[in-house]
């Protein structure tokens, strides 16, 4: 799977968890799984809140 698709999938999974009533902490693994350390700031996705 291309890295951009993988990141998008993880972000969407995190949004879905929060939207369906899960705690934001439950979404952290998905945000971390979609982040690439040091690549154009993508690693910041792991620490930014889900809208």
PDB file of N, CA and C in Angstrom:
ATOM      1  N   UNK A   1       0.856  -1.162   0.000  1.00  0.00           N
ATOM      2  CA  UNK A   1       0.000   0.000   0.000  1.00  0.00           C
ATOM      3  C   UNK A   1       0.912   1.238   0.000  1.00  0.00           C
ATOM      4  N   UNK A   2       0.620   2.199  -0.836  1.00  0.00           N
ATOM      5  CA  UNK A   2       1.429   3.417  -0.862  1.00  0.00           C
ATOM      6  C   UNK A   2       1.363   4.137   0.495  1.00  0.00           C
ATOM      7  N   UNK A   3       2.480   4.736   0.912  1.00  0.00           N
ATOM      8  CA  UNK A   3       2.486   5.423   2.217  1.00  0.00           C
ATOM      9  C   UNK A   3       1.386   6.472   2.365  1.00  0.00           C
ATOM     10  N   UNK A   4       1.085   7.205   1.304  1.00  0.00           N
ATOM     11  CA  UNK A   4       0.038   8.233   1.412  1.00  0.00           C
ATOM     12  C   UNK A   4      -1.322   7.602   1.675  1.00  0.00           C
ATOM     13  N   UNK A   5      -1.595   6.468   1.076  1.00  0.00           N
ATOM     14  CA  UNK A   5      -2.868   5.773   1.309  1.00  0.00           C
ATOM     15  C   UNK A   5      -2.914   5.206   2.720  1.00  0.00           C
ATOM     16  N   UNK A   6      -1.783   4.698   3.173  1.00  0.00           N
ATOM     17  CA  UNK A   6      -1.724   4.155   4.528  1.00  0.00           C
ATOM     18  C   UNK A   6      -1.985   5.254   5.555  1.00  0.00           C
ATOM     19  N   UNK A   7      -1.367   6.417   5.379  1.00  0.00           N
ATOM     20  CA  UNK A   7      -1.597   7.532   6.309  1.00  0.00           C
ATOM     21  C   UNK A   7      -3.059   7.952   6.294  1.00  0.00           C
ATOM     22  N   UNK A   8      -3.640   8.054   5.114  1.00  0.00           N
ATOM     23  CA  UNK A   8      -5.046   8.459   5.005  1.00  0.00           C
ATOM     24  C   UNK A   8      -5.960   7.446   5.691  1.00  0.00           C
ATOM     25  N   UNK A   9      -5.665   6.180   5.531  1.00  0.00           N
ATOM     26  CA  UNK A   9      -6.474   5.129   6.146  1.00  0.00           C
ATOM     27  C   UNK A   9      -6.394   5.211   7.671  1.00  0.00           C
ATOM     28  N   UNK A  10      -5.202   5.410   8.199  1.00  0.00           N
ATOM     29  CA  UNK A  10      -5.047   5.541   9.650  1.00  0.00           C
ATOM     30  C   UNK A  10      -5.755   6.782  10.174  1.00  0.00           C
ATOM     31  N   UNK A  11      -5.657   7.906   9.457  1.00  0.00           N
ATOM     32  CA  UNK A  11      -6.359   9.132   9.895  1.00  0.00           C
ATOM     33  C   UNK A  11      -7.859   8.909   9.905  1.00  0.00           C
ATOM     34  N   UNK A  12      -8.367   8.266   8.870  1.00  0.00           N
ATOM     35  CA  UNK A  12      -9.808   8.016   8.791  1.00  0.00           C
ATOM     36  C   UNK A  12     -10.258   7.079   9.912  1.00  0.00           C
ATOM     37  N   UNK A  13      -9.467   6.080  10.215  1.00  0.00           N
ATOM     38  CA  UNK A  13      -9.800   5.164  11.313  1.00  0.00           C
ATOM     39  C   UNK A  13      -9.861   5.925  12.633  1.00  0.00           C
ATOM     40  N   UNK A  14      -8.907   6.823  12.853  1.00  0.00           N
ATOM     41  CA  UNK A  14      -8.896   7.616  14.085  1.00  0.00           C
ATOM     42  C   UNK A  14     -10.134   8.511  14.163  1.00  0.00           C
ATOM     43  N   UNK A  15     -10.473   9.165  13.067  1.00  0.00           N
ATOM     44  CA  UNK A  15     -11.674  10.021  13.047  1.00  0.00           C
ATOM     45  C   UNK A  15     -12.931   9.209  13.336  1.00  0.00           C
ATOM     46  N   UNK A  16     -13.004   8.027  12.739  1.00  0.00           N
ATOM     47  CA  UNK A  16     -14.169   7.167  12.937  1.00  0.00           C
ATOM     48  C   UNK A  16     -14.304   6.765  14.412  1.00  0.00           C
ATOM     49  N   UNK A  17     -13.191   6.398  15.028  1.00  0.00           N
ATOM     50  CA  UNK A  17     -13.242   6.014  16.437  1.00  0.00           C
ATOM     51  C   UNK A  17     -13.793   7.146  17.298  1.00  0.00           C
ATOM     52  N   UNK A  18     -13.273   8.348  17.100  1.00  0.00           N
ATOM     53  CA  UNK A  18     -13.712   9.491  17.903  1.00  0.00           C
ATOM     54  C   UNK A  18     -15.168   9.836  17.593  1.00  0.00           C
ATOM     55  N   UNK A  19     -15.542   9.796  16.324  1.00  0.00           N
ATOM     56  CA  UNK A  19     -16.910  10.140  15.918  1.00  0.00           C
ATOM     57  C   UNK A  19     -17.943   9.156  16.460  1.00  0.00           C
ATOM     58  N   UNK A  20     -17.522   7.924  16.719  1.00  0.00           N
ATOM     59  CA  UNK A  20     -18.463   6.922  17.214  1.00  0.00           C
ATOM     60  C   UNK A  20     -18.410   6.769  18.727  1.00  0.00           C
ATOM     61  N   UNK A  21     -17.795   7.765  19.402  1.00  0.00           N
ATOM     62  CA  UNK A  21     -17.851   7.793  20.850  1.00  0.00           C
ATOM     63  C   UNK A  21     -16.659   7.215  21.589  1.00  0.00           C
ATOM     64  N   UNK A  22     -15.664   6.750  20.889  1.00  0.00           N
ATOM     65  CA  UNK A  22     -14.470   6.246  21.572  1.00  0.00           C
ATOM     66  C   UNK A  22     -13.662   7.418  22.111  1.00  0.00           C
ATOM     67  N   UNK A  23     -12.865   7.152  23.098  1.00  0.00           N
ATOM     68  CA  UNK A  23     -12.011   8.188  23.672  1.00  0.00           C
ATOM     69  C   UNK A  23     -10.905   8.545  22.675  1.00  0.00           C
ATOM     70  N   UNK A  24     -10.485   9.800  22.646  1.00  0.00           N
ATOM     71  CA  UNK A  24      -9.394  10.194  21.749  1.00  0.00           C
ATOM     72  C   UNK A  24      -8.134   9.352  21.930  1.00  0.00           C
ATOM     73  N   UNK A  25      -7.878   8.911  23.164  1.00  0.00           N
ATOM     74  CA  UNK A  25      -6.682   8.089  23.395  1.00  0.00           C
ATOM     75  C   UNK A  25      -6.759   6.781  22.605  1.00  0.00           C
ATOM     76  N   UNK A  26      -7.968   6.301  22.330  1.00  0.00           N
ATOM     77  CA  UNK A  26      -8.131   5.076  21.548  1.00  0.00           C
ATOM     78  C   UNK A  26      -7.695   5.276  20.099  1.00  0.00           C
ATOM     79  N   UNK A  27      -7.699   6.520  19.648  1.00  0.00           N
ATOM     80  CA  UNK A  27      -7.325   6.822  18.263  1.00  0.00           C
ATOM     81  C   UNK A  27      -5.826   7.030  18.085  1.00  0.00           C
ATOM     82  N   UNK A  28      -5.107   7.183  19.185  1.00  0.00           N
ATOM     83  CA  UNK A  28      -3.683   7.507  19.105  1.00  0.00           C
ATOM     84  C   UNK A  28      -2.895   6.460  18.319  1.00  0.00           C
ATOM     85  N   UNK A  29      -3.185   5.204  18.505  1.00  0.00           N
ATOM     86  CA  UNK A  29      -2.443   4.158  17.791  1.00  0.00           C
ATOM     87  C   UNK A  29      -2.590   4.314  16.285  1.00  0.00           C
ATOM     88  N   UNK A  30      -3.759   4.732  15.839  1.00  0.00           N
ATOM     89  CA  UNK A  30      -3.958   4.910  14.399  1.00  0.00           C
ATOM     90  C   UNK A  30      -3.207   6.129  13.880  1.00  0.00           C
ATOM     91  N   UNK A  31      -3.187   7.177  14.657  1.00  0.00           N
ATOM     92  CA  UNK A  31      -2.450   8.357  14.219  1.00  0.00           C
ATOM     93  C   UNK A  31      -0.959   8.065  14.198  1.00  0.00           C
ATOM     94  N   UNK A  32      -0.480   7.342  15.189  1.00  0.00           N
ATOM     95  CA  UNK A  32       0.927   6.970  15.216  1.00  0.00           C
ATOM     96  C   UNK A  32       1.275   5.997  14.102  1.00  0.00           C
ATOM     97  N   UNK A  33       0.358   5.111  13.777  1.00  0.00           N
ATOM     98  CA  UNK A  33       0.603   4.137  12.709  1.00  0.00           C
ATOM     99  C   UNK A  33       0.667   4.768  11.342  1.00  0.00           C
ATOM    100  N   UNK A  34       0.049   5.927  11.198  1.00  0.00           N
ATOM    101  CA  UNK A  34       0.055   6.594   9.906  1.00  0.00           C
ATOM    102  C   UNK A  34       1.127   7.661   9.783  1.00  0.00           C
ATOM    103  N   UNK A  35       1.881   7.881  10.849  1.00  0.00           N
ATOM    104  CA  UNK A  35       2.899   8.933  10.826  1.00  0.00           C
ATOM    105  C   UNK A  35       4.239   8.379  10.360  1.00  0.00           C
ATOM    106  N   UNK A  36       4.960   9.196   9.646  1.00  0.00           N
ATOM    107  CA  UNK A  36       6.325   8.874   9.245  1.00  0.00           C
ATOM    108  C   UNK A  36       7.238   9.892   9.906  1.00  0.00           C
ATOM    109  N   UNK A  37       8.113   9.431  10.726  1.00  0.00           N
ATOM    110  CA  UNK A  37       8.979  10.326  11.482  1.00  0.00           C
ATOM    111  C   UNK A  37       9.900  11.109  10.558  1.00  0.00           C
ATOM    112  N   UNK A  38       9.846  12.418  10.717  1.00  0.00           N
ATOM    113  CA  UNK A  38      10.779  13.283  10.017  1.00  0.00           C
ATOM    114  C   UNK A  38      10.524  13.521   8.544  1.00  0.00           C
ATOM    115  N   UNK A  39       9.411  13.103   8.015  1.00  0.00           N
ATOM    116  CA  UNK A  39       9.122  13.292   6.591  1.00  0.00           C
ATOM    117  C   UNK A  39       8.123  14.421   6.433  1.00  0.00           C
ATOM    118  N   UNK A  40       8.601  15.591   6.117  1.00  0.00           N
ATOM    119  CA  UNK A  40       7.727  16.734   5.850  1.00  0.00           C
ATOM    120  C   UNK A  40       6.749  17.061   6.955  1.00  0.00           C
ATOM    121  N   UNK A  41       7.120  16.791   8.192  1.00  0.00           N
ATOM    122  CA  UNK A  41       6.231  17.108   9.302  1.00  0.00           C
ATOM    123  C   UNK A  41       5.139  16.083   9.521  1.00  0.00           C
ATOM    124  N   UNK A  42       5.164  14.972   8.793  1.00  0.00           N
ATOM    125  CA  UNK A  42       4.126  13.954   8.949  1.00  0.00           C
ATOM    126  C   UNK A  42       4.116  13.381  10.362  1.00  0.00           C
ATOM    127  N   UNK A  43       5.274  13.422  11.032  1.00  0.00           N
ATOM    128  CA  UNK A  43       5.308  12.883  12.392  1.00  0.00           C
ATOM    129  C   UNK A  43       4.463  13.718  13.347  1.00  0.00           C
ATOM    130  N   UNK A  44       4.117  14.931  12.963  1.00  0.00           N
ATOM    131  CA  UNK A  44       3.261  15.770  13.811  1.00  0.00           C
ATOM    132  C   UNK A  44       1.848  15.235  13.879  1.00  0.00           C
ATOM    133  N   UNK A  45       1.448  14.404  12.917  1.00  0.00           N
ATOM    134  CA  UNK A  45       0.100  13.830  12.945  1.00  0.00           C
ATOM    135  C   UNK A  45      -0.112  12.988  14.200  1.00  0.00           C
ATOM    136  N   UNK A  46       0.963  12.468  14.768  1.00  0.00           N
ATOM    137  CA  UNK A  46       0.843  11.643  15.950  1.00  0.00           C
ATOM    138  C   UNK A  46       0.559  12.441  17.217  1.00  0.00           C
ATOM    139  N   UNK A  47       0.753  13.743  17.180  1.00  0.00           N
ATOM    140  CA  UNK A  47       0.540  14.544  18.381  1.00  0.00           C
ATOM    141  C   UNK A  47      -0.528  15.614  18.214  1.00  0.00           C
ATOM    142  N   UNK A  48      -1.098  15.737  17.048  1.00  0.00           N
ATOM    143  CA  UNK A  48      -2.143  16.730  16.824  1.00  0.00           C
ATOM    144  C   UNK A  48      -3.506  16.112  17.096  1.00  0.00           C
ATOM    145  N   UNK A  49      -4.407  16.866  17.723  1.00  0.00           N
ATOM    146  CA  UNK A  49      -5.733  16.315  18.027  1.00  0.00           C
ATOM    147  C   UNK A  49      -6.552  16.058  16.758  1.00  0.00           C
ATOM    148  N   UNK A  50      -7.417  15.081  16.856  1.00  0.00           N
ATOM    149  CA  UNK A  50      -8.329  14.765  15.761  1.00  0.00           C
ATOM    150  C   UNK A  50      -9.471  15.755  15.790  1.00  0.00           C
ATOM    151  N   UNK A  51      -9.791  16.397  14.663  1.00  0.00           N
ATOM    152  CA  UNK A  51     -10.893  17.378  14.657  1.00  0.00           C
ATOM    153  C   UNK A  51     -12.247  16.720  14.871  1.00  0.00           C
TER     154      UNK A  51
END
